[in-house]
Amino acid sequence: MEQREQQAIRSLLDHDFELRKTFRQHADLEKQIKAFNGRPALTAADEALRKQLQKRKLAGMDRMMAIVARHDAHSPASKMS
């Protein structure tokens, strides 16, 4: 995630429940993935679960960016350009 994207997300966290919820889920998934990555070896089941978590994390990022885009589209600054 780029710094600009991070700033946009953080600036909206207090104002958008869906974004806040998705952001927290994204952070939780990141922790779970890091726990798997910290293991010296993974079983096939663990590897499949890790991949599933990564896909959910990516979907969450897509959802967060869509929320930010929705806010950008409705902001007065975006209508001036």
PDB file of N, CA and C in Angstrom:
ATOM      1  N   MET A   1       0.854  -1.164   0.000  1.00  0.00           N
ATOM      2  CA  MET A   1       0.000   0.000   0.000  1.00  0.00           C
ATOM      3  C   MET A   1       0.905   1.234   0.000  1.00  0.00           C
ATOM      4  N   GLU A   2       0.602   2.155  -0.884  1.00  0.00           N
ATOM      5  CA  GLU A   2       1.382   3.377  -0.983  1.00  0.00           C
ATOM      6  C   GLU A   2       1.062   4.314   0.176  1.00  0.00           C
ATOM      7  N   GLN A   3       1.996   5.207   0.454  1.00  0.00           N
ATOM      8  CA  GLN A   3       1.814   6.147   1.560  1.00  0.00           C
ATOM      9  C   GLN A   3       0.581   7.023   1.348  1.00  0.00           C
ATOM     10  N   ARG A   4       0.351   7.457   0.123  1.00  0.00           N
ATOM     11  CA  ARG A   4      -0.824   8.293  -0.178  1.00  0.00           C
ATOM     12  C   ARG A   4      -2.112   7.533   0.144  1.00  0.00           C
ATOM     13  N   GLU A   5      -2.136   6.241  -0.216  1.00  0.00           N
ATOM     14  CA  GLU A   5      -3.313   5.418   0.066  1.00  0.00           C
ATOM     15  C   GLU A   5      -3.510   5.259   1.565  1.00  0.00           C
ATOM     16  N   GLN A   6      -2.411   5.036   2.282  1.00  0.00           N
ATOM     17  CA  GLN A   6      -2.488   4.901   3.737  1.00  0.00           C
ATOM     18  C   GLN A   6      -3.041   6.171   4.368  1.00  0.00           C
ATOM     19  N   GLN A   7      -2.573   7.324   3.907  1.00  0.00           N
ATOM     20  CA  GLN A   7      -3.049   8.596   4.453  1.00  0.00           C
ATOM     21  C   GLN A   7      -4.537   8.790   4.175  1.00  0.00           C
ATOM     22  N   ALA A   8      -4.963   8.450   2.976  1.00  0.00           N
ATOM     23  CA  ALA A   8      -6.378   8.594   2.621  1.00  0.00           C
ATOM     24  C   ALA A   8      -7.246   7.709   3.506  1.00  0.00           C
ATOM     25  N   ILE A   9      -6.808   6.482   3.715  1.00  0.00           N
ATOM     26  CA  ILE A   9      -7.562   5.548   4.560  1.00  0.00           C
ATOM     27  C   ILE A   9      -7.613   6.060   5.991  1.00  0.00           C
ATOM     28  N   ARG A  10      -6.465   6.430   6.529  1.00  0.00           N
ATOM     29  CA  ARG A  10      -6.421   6.886   7.924  1.00  0.00           C
ATOM     30  C   ARG A  10      -7.249   8.154   8.147  1.00  0.00           C
ATOM     31  N   SER A  11      -7.293   9.024   7.149  1.00  0.00           N
ATOM     32  CA  SER A  11      -8.066  10.261   7.311  1.00  0.00           C
ATOM     33  C   SER A  11      -9.570   9.995   7.363  1.00  0.00           C
ATOM     34  N   LEU A  12     -10.005   8.865   6.836  1.00  0.00           N
ATOM     35  CA  LEU A  12     -11.436   8.552   6.800  1.00  0.00           C
ATOM     36  C   LEU A  12     -11.880   7.559   7.874  1.00  0.00           C
ATOM     37  N   LEU A  13     -10.942   6.982   8.606  1.00  0.00           N
ATOM     38  CA  LEU A  13     -11.293   5.941   9.575  1.00  0.00           C
ATOM     39  C   LEU A  13     -12.316   6.406  10.608  1.00  0.00           C
ATOM     40  N   ASP A  14     -12.190   7.636  11.074  1.00  0.00           N
ATOM     41  CA  ASP A  14     -13.111   8.132  12.100  1.00  0.00           C
ATOM     42  C   ASP A  14     -14.496   8.441  11.548  1.00  0.00           C
ATOM     43  N   HIS A  15     -14.607   8.532  10.230  1.00  0.00           N
ATOM     44  CA  HIS A  15     -15.854   8.984   9.618  1.00  0.00           C
ATOM     45  C   HIS A  15     -16.634   7.891   8.891  1.00  0.00           C
ATOM     46  N   ASP A  16     -16.034   6.724   8.712  1.00  0.00           N
ATOM     47  CA  ASP A  16     -16.691   5.690   7.907  1.00  0.00           C
ATOM     48  C   ASP A  16     -16.604   4.345   8.623  1.00  0.00           C
ATOM     49  N   PHE A  17     -17.746   3.870   9.115  1.00  0.00           N
ATOM     50  CA  PHE A  17     -17.783   2.615   9.864  1.00  0.00           C
ATOM     51  C   PHE A  17     -17.311   1.439   9.017  1.00  0.00           C
ATOM     52  N   GLU A  18     -17.778   1.358   7.776  1.00  0.00           N
ATOM     53  CA  GLU A  18     -17.403   0.240   6.911  1.00  0.00           C
ATOM     54  C   GLU A  18     -15.895   0.213   6.680  1.00  0.00           C
ATOM     55  N   LEU A  19     -15.308   1.375   6.460  1.00  0.00           N
ATOM     56  CA  LEU A  19     -13.864   1.455   6.257  1.00  0.00           C
ATOM     57  C   LEU A  19     -13.129   1.039   7.521  1.00  0.00           C
ATOM     58  N   ARG A  20     -13.583   1.513   8.668  1.00  0.00           N
ATOM     59  CA  ARG A  20     -12.942   1.172   9.939  1.00  0.00           C
ATOM     60  C   ARG A  20     -12.998  -0.337  10.185  1.00  0.00           C
ATOM     61  N   LYS A  21     -14.156  -0.935   9.940  1.00  0.00           N
ATOM     62  CA  LYS A  21     -14.327  -2.382  10.128  1.00  0.00           C
ATOM     63  C   LYS A  21     -13.413  -3.159   9.181  1.00  0.00           C
ATOM     64  N   THR A  22     -13.379  -2.754   7.929  1.00  0.00           N
ATOM     65  CA  THR A  22     -12.553  -3.433   6.931  1.00  0.00           C
ATOM     66  C   THR A  22     -11.074  -3.260   7.253  1.00  0.00           C
ATOM     67  N   PHE A  23     -10.684  -2.078   7.720  1.00  0.00           N
ATOM     68  CA  PHE A  23      -9.296  -1.808   8.091  1.00  0.00           C
ATOM     69  C   PHE A  23      -8.863  -2.726   9.234  1.00  0.00           C
ATOM     70  N   ARG A  24      -9.732  -2.883  10.225  1.00  0.00           N
ATOM     71  CA  ARG A  24      -9.411  -3.760  11.362  1.00  0.00           C
ATOM     72  C   ARG A  24      -9.292  -5.218  10.918  1.00  0.00           C
ATOM     73  N   GLN A  25     -10.193  -5.647  10.039  1.00  0.00           N
ATOM     74  CA  GLN A  25     -10.115  -7.014   9.516  1.00  0.00           C
ATOM     75  C   GLN A  25      -8.813  -7.206   8.742  1.00  0.00           C
ATOM     76  N   HIS A  26      -8.447  -6.208   7.961  1.00  0.00           N
ATOM     77  CA  HIS A  26      -7.217  -6.260   7.167  1.00  0.00           C
ATOM     78  C   HIS A  26      -6.000  -6.402   8.084  1.00  0.00           C
ATOM     79  N   ALA A  27      -5.974  -5.622   9.165  1.00  0.00           N
ATOM     80  CA  ALA A  27      -4.867  -5.691  10.118  1.00  0.00           C
ATOM     81  C   ALA A  27      -4.819  -7.057  10.805  1.00  0.00           C
ATOM     82  N   ASP A  28      -5.975  -7.602  11.149  1.00  0.00           N
ATOM     83  CA  ASP A  28      -6.035  -8.919  11.780  1.00  0.00           C
ATOM     84  C   ASP A  28      -5.530 -10.001  10.828  1.00  0.00           C
ATOM     85  N   LEU A  29      -5.937  -9.911   9.573  1.00  0.00           N
ATOM     86  CA  LEU A  29      -5.464 -10.879   8.579  1.00  0.00           C
ATOM     87  C   LEU A  29      -3.954 -10.779   8.408  1.00  0.00           C
ATOM     88  N   GLU A  30      -3.426  -9.560   8.421  1.00  0.00           N
ATOM     89  CA  GLU A  30      -1.976  -9.357   8.298  1.00  0.00           C
ATOM     90  C   GLU A  30      -1.239 -10.058   9.439  1.00  0.00           C
ATOM     91  N   LYS A  31      -1.759  -9.937  10.658  1.00  0.00           N
ATOM     92  CA  LYS A  31      -1.145 -10.604  11.809  1.00  0.00           C
ATOM     93  C   LYS A  31      -1.166 -12.119  11.637  1.00  0.00           C
ATOM     94  N   GLN A  32      -2.296 -12.650  11.179  1.00  0.00           N
ATOM     95  CA  GLN A  32      -2.405 -14.095  10.984  1.00  0.00           C
ATOM     96  C   GLN A  32      -1.424 -14.584   9.918  1.00  0.00           C
ATOM     97  N   ILE A  33      -1.310 -13.829   8.843  1.00  0.00           N
ATOM     98  CA  ILE A  33      -0.394 -14.204   7.762  1.00  0.00           C
ATOM     99  C   ILE A  33       1.045 -14.156   8.259  1.00  0.00           C
ATOM    100  N   LYS A  34       1.389 -13.128   9.032  1.00  0.00           N
ATOM    101  CA  LYS A  34       2.747 -13.022   9.577  1.00  0.00           C
ATOM    102  C   LYS A  34       3.061 -14.202  10.483  1.00  0.00           C
ATOM    103  N   ALA A  35       2.065 -14.661  11.232  1.00  0.00           N
ATOM    104  CA  ALA A  35       2.278 -15.818  12.100  1.00  0.00           C
ATOM    105  C   ALA A  35       2.619 -17.054  11.272  1.00  0.00           C
ATOM    106  N   PHE A  36       1.928 -17.236  10.162  1.00  0.00           N
ATOM    107  CA  PHE A  36       2.247 -18.358   9.279  1.00  0.00           C
ATOM    108  C   PHE A  36       3.631 -18.178   8.665  1.00  0.00           C
ATOM    109  N   ASN A  37       3.945 -16.959   8.244  1.00  0.00           N
ATOM    110  CA  ASN A  37       5.234 -16.704   7.604  1.00  0.00           C
ATOM    111  C   ASN A  37       6.399 -16.888   8.560  1.00  0.00           C
ATOM    112  N   GLY A  38       6.142 -16.768   9.861  1.00  0.00           N
ATOM    113  CA  GLY A  38       7.191 -16.929  10.853  1.00  0.00           C
ATOM    114  C   GLY A  38       7.519 -18.377  11.174  1.00  0.00           C
ATOM    115  N   ARG A  39       6.725 -19.277  10.672  1.00  0.00           N
ATOM    116  CA  ARG A  39       6.972 -20.698  10.933  1.00  0.00           C
ATOM    117  C   ARG A  39       8.055 -21.220   9.991  1.00  0.00           C
ATOM    118  N   PRO A  40       8.878 -22.143  10.479  1.00  0.00           N
ATOM    119  CA  PRO A  40       9.929 -22.690   9.613  1.00  0.00           C
ATOM    120  C   PRO A  40       9.382 -23.554   8.473  1.00  0.00           C
ATOM    121  N   ALA A  41       8.240 -24.193   8.702  1.00  0.00           N
ATOM    122  CA  ALA A  41       7.630 -25.032   7.659  1.00  0.00           C
ATOM    123  C   ALA A  41       6.121 -25.042   7.869  1.00  0.00           C
ATOM    124  N   LEU A  42       5.405 -25.186   6.761  1.00  0.00           N
ATOM    125  CA  LEU A  42       3.946 -25.234   6.818  1.00  0.00           C
ATOM    126  C   LEU A  42       3.446 -26.553   6.247  1.00  0.00           C
ATOM    127  N   THR A  43       2.403 -27.082   6.867  1.00  0.00           N
ATOM    128  CA  THR A  43       1.753 -28.255   6.295  1.00  0.00           C
ATOM    129  C   THR A  43       0.968 -27.796   5.070  1.00  0.00           C
ATOM    130  N   ALA A  44       0.501 -28.742   4.295  1.00  0.00           N
ATOM    131  CA  ALA A  44      -0.300 -28.399   3.117  1.00  0.00           C
ATOM    132  C   ALA A  44      -1.568 -27.648   3.538  1.00  0.00           C
ATOM    133  N   ALA A  45      -2.166 -28.072   4.640  1.00  0.00           N
ATOM    134  CA  ALA A  45      -3.377 -27.405   5.134  1.00  0.00           C
ATOM    135  C   ALA A  45      -3.068 -25.980   5.589  1.00  0.00           C
ATOM    136  N   ASP A  46      -1.927 -25.805   6.276  1.00  0.00           N
ATOM    137  CA  ASP A  46      -1.530 -24.468   6.714  1.00  0.00           C
ATOM    138  C   ASP A  46      -1.245 -23.558   5.522  1.00  0.00           C
ATOM    139  N   GLU A  47      -0.595 -24.096   4.513  1.00  0.00           N
ATOM    140  CA  GLU A  47      -0.290 -23.316   3.310  1.00  0.00           C
ATOM    141  C   GLU A  47      -1.583 -22.900   2.607  1.00  0.00           C
ATOM    142  N   ALA A  48      -2.546 -23.803   2.538  1.00  0.00           N
ATOM    143  CA  ALA A  48      -3.834 -23.479   1.916  1.00  0.00           C
ATOM    144  C   ALA A  48      -4.554 -22.392   2.715  1.00  0.00           C
ATOM    145  N   LEU A  49      -4.509 -22.480   4.036  1.00  0.00           N
ATOM    146  CA  LEU A  49      -5.141 -21.473   4.882  1.00  0.00           C
ATOM    147  C   LEU A  49      -4.443 -20.124   4.722  1.00  0.00           C
ATOM    148  N   ARG A  50      -3.116 -20.135   4.668  1.00  0.00           N
ATOM    149  CA  ARG A  50      -2.359 -18.898   4.483  1.00  0.00           C
ATOM    150  C   ARG A  50      -2.747 -18.225   3.169  1.00  0.00           C
ATOM    151  N   LYS A  51      -2.858 -19.011   2.109  1.00  0.00           N
ATOM    152  CA  LYS A  51      -3.254 -18.461   0.807  1.00  0.00           C
ATOM    153  C   LYS A  51      -4.675 -17.892   0.861  1.00  0.00           C
ATOM    154  N   GLN A  52      -5.562 -18.573   1.563  1.00  0.00           N
ATOM    155  CA  GLN A  52      -6.933 -18.082   1.712  1.00  0.00           C
ATOM    156  C   GLN A  52      -6.947 -16.748   2.467  1.00  0.00           C
ATOM    157  N   LEU A  53      -6.134 -16.655   3.515  1.00  0.00           N
ATOM    158  CA  LEU A  53      -6.036 -15.408   4.274  1.00  0.00           C
ATOM    159  C   LEU A  53      -5.491 -14.281   3.401  1.00  0.00           C
ATOM    160  N   GLN A  54      -4.501 -14.592   2.570  1.00  0.00           N
ATOM    161  CA  GLN A  54      -3.933 -13.585   1.672  1.00  0.00           C
ATOM    162  C   GLN A  54      -4.981 -13.075   0.681  1.00  0.00           C
ATOM    163  N   LYS A  55      -5.793 -13.980   0.172  1.00  0.00           N
ATOM    164  CA  LYS A  55      -6.849 -13.580  -0.767  1.00  0.00           C
ATOM    165  C   LYS A  55      -7.878 -12.693  -0.071  1.00  0.00           C
ATOM    166  N   ARG A  56      -8.246 -13.042   1.159  1.00  0.00           N
ATOM    167  CA  ARG A  56      -9.196 -12.225   1.910  1.00  0.00           C
ATOM    168  C   ARG A  56      -8.612 -10.851   2.209  1.00  0.00           C
ATOM    169  N   LYS A  57      -7.310 -10.816   2.516  1.00  0.00           N
ATOM    170  CA  LYS A  57      -6.640  -9.545   2.789  1.00  0.00           C
ATOM    171  C   LYS A  57      -6.649  -8.665   1.541  1.00  0.00           C
ATOM    172  N   LEU A  58      -6.353  -9.243   0.401  1.00  0.00           N
ATOM    173  CA  LEU A  58      -6.360  -8.501  -0.858  1.00  0.00           C
ATOM    174  C   LEU A  58      -7.766  -7.988  -1.180  1.00  0.00           C
ATOM    175  N   ALA A  59      -8.769  -8.816  -0.954  1.00  0.00           N
ATOM    176  CA  ALA A  59     -10.152  -8.386  -1.187  1.00  0.00           C
ATOM    177  C   ALA A  59     -10.512  -7.226  -0.259  1.00  0.00           C
ATOM    178  N   GLY A  60     -10.019  -7.281   0.964  1.00  0.00           N
ATOM    179  CA  GLY A  60     -10.257  -6.189   1.906  1.00  0.00           C
ATOM    180  C   GLY A  60      -9.598  -4.901   1.452  1.00  0.00           C
ATOM    181  N   MET A  61      -8.397  -5.011   0.908  1.00  0.00           N
ATOM    182  CA  MET A  61      -7.710  -3.825   0.390  1.00  0.00           C
ATOM    183  C   MET A  61      -8.498  -3.233  -0.773  1.00  0.00           C
ATOM    184  N   ASP A  62      -8.983  -4.083  -1.645  1.00  0.00           N
ATOM    185  CA  ASP A  62      -9.804  -3.606  -2.763  1.00  0.00           C
ATOM    186  C   ASP A  62     -11.052  -2.883  -2.248  1.00  0.00           C
ATOM    187  N   ARG A  63     -11.672  -3.439  -1.209  1.00  0.00           N
ATOM    188  CA  ARG A  63     -12.871  -2.839  -0.633  1.00  0.00           C
ATOM    189  C   ARG A  63     -12.532  -1.475  -0.012  1.00  0.00           C
ATOM    190  N   MET A  64     -11.390  -1.399   0.700  1.00  0.00           N
ATOM    191  CA  MET A  64     -10.990  -0.123   1.296  1.00  0.00           C
ATOM    192  C   MET A  64     -10.738   0.932   0.224  1.00  0.00           C
ATOM    193  N   MET A  65     -10.083   0.556  -0.852  1.00  0.00           N
ATOM    194  CA  MET A  65      -9.794   1.517  -1.914  1.00  0.00           C
ATOM    195  C   MET A  65     -11.083   1.966  -2.605  1.00  0.00           C
ATOM    196  N   ALA A  66     -12.053   1.081  -2.712  1.00  0.00           N
ATOM    197  CA  ALA A  66     -13.344   1.460  -3.291  1.00  0.00           C
ATOM    198  C   ALA A  66     -14.060   2.465  -2.387  1.00  0.00           C
ATOM    199  N   ILE A  67     -13.954   2.274  -1.086  1.00  0.00           N
ATOM    200  CA  ILE A  67     -14.569   3.207  -0.140  1.00  0.00           C
ATOM    201  C   ILE A  67     -13.899   4.575  -0.247  1.00  0.00           C
ATOM    202  N   VAL A  68     -12.573   4.584  -0.311  1.00  0.00           N
ATOM    203  CA  VAL A  68     -11.838   5.844  -0.458  1.00  0.00           C
ATOM    204  C   VAL A  68     -12.241   6.531  -1.759  1.00  0.00           C
ATOM    205  N   ALA A  69     -12.344   5.768  -2.830  1.00  0.00           N
ATOM    206  CA  ALA A  69     -12.733   6.340  -4.128  1.00  0.00           C
ATOM    207  C   ALA A  69     -14.141   6.926  -4.052  1.00  0.00           C
ATOM    208  N   ARG A  70     -15.027   6.246  -3.345  1.00  0.00           N
ATOM    209  CA  ARG A  70     -16.393   6.751  -3.187  1.00  0.00           C
ATOM    210  C   ARG A  70     -16.389   8.092  -2.451  1.00  0.00           C
ATOM    211  N   HIS A  71     -15.564   8.189  -1.404  1.00  0.00           N
ATOM    212  CA  HIS A  71     -15.452   9.448  -0.666  1.00  0.00           C
ATOM    213  C   HIS A  71     -14.837  10.534  -1.543  1.00  0.00           C
ATOM    214  N   ASP A  72     -13.819  10.175  -2.316  1.00  0.00           N
ATOM    215  CA  ASP A  72     -13.180  11.147  -3.213  1.00  0.00           C
ATOM    216  C   ASP A  72     -14.174  11.681  -4.229  1.00  0.00           C
ATOM    217  N   ALA A  73     -15.029  10.815  -4.726  1.00  0.00           N
ATOM    218  CA  ALA A  73     -16.010  11.224  -5.734  1.00  0.00           C
ATOM    219  C   ALA A  73     -17.037  12.194  -5.164  1.00  0.00           C
ATOM    220  N   HIS A  74     -17.267  12.103  -3.860  1.00  0.00           N
ATOM    221  CA  HIS A  74     -18.265  12.961  -3.228  1.00  0.00           C
ATOM    222  C   HIS A  74     -17.665  14.180  -2.541  1.00  0.00           C
ATOM    223  N   SER A  75     -16.341  14.308  -2.559  1.00  0.00           N
ATOM    224  CA  SER A  75     -15.717  15.447  -1.887  1.00  0.00           C
ATOM    225  C   SER A  75     -15.759  16.678  -2.784  1.00  0.00           C
ATOM    226  N   PRO A  76     -15.901  17.854  -2.196  1.00  0.00           N
ATOM    227  CA  PRO A  76     -15.952  19.088  -2.996  1.00  0.00           C
ATOM    228  C   PRO A  76     -14.679  19.320  -3.807  1.00  0.00           C
ATOM    229  N   ALA A  77     -13.519  18.917  -3.288  1.00  0.00           N
ATOM    230  CA  ALA A  77     -12.255  19.128  -3.999  1.00  0.00           C
ATOM    231  C   ALA A  77     -12.217  18.366  -5.307  1.00  0.00           C
ATOM    232  N   SER A  78     -12.831  17.181  -5.345  1.00  0.00           N
ATOM    233  CA  SER A  78     -12.799  16.381  -6.575  1.00  0.00           C
ATOM    234  C   SER A  78     -13.666  16.992  -7.668  1.00  0.00           C
ATOM    235  N   LYS A  79     -14.649  17.787  -7.285  1.00  0.00           N
ATOM    236  CA  LYS A  79     -15.539  18.396  -8.275  1.00  0.00           C
ATOM    237  C   LYS A  79     -14.940  19.653  -8.897  1.00  0.00           C
ATOM    238  N   MET A  80     -13.886  20.187  -8.274  1.00  0.00           N
ATOM    239  CA  MET A  80     -13.229  21.373  -8.805  1.00  0.00           C
ATOM    240  C   MET A  80     -12.281  21.048  -9.937  1.00  0.00           C
ATOM    241  N   SER A  81     -11.769  19.806  -9.979  1.00  0.00           N
ATOM    242  CA  SER A  81     -10.794  19.461 -11.009  1.00  0.00           C
ATOM    243  C   SER A  81     -11.433  19.020 -12.288  1.00  0.00           C
TER     244      SER A  81
END
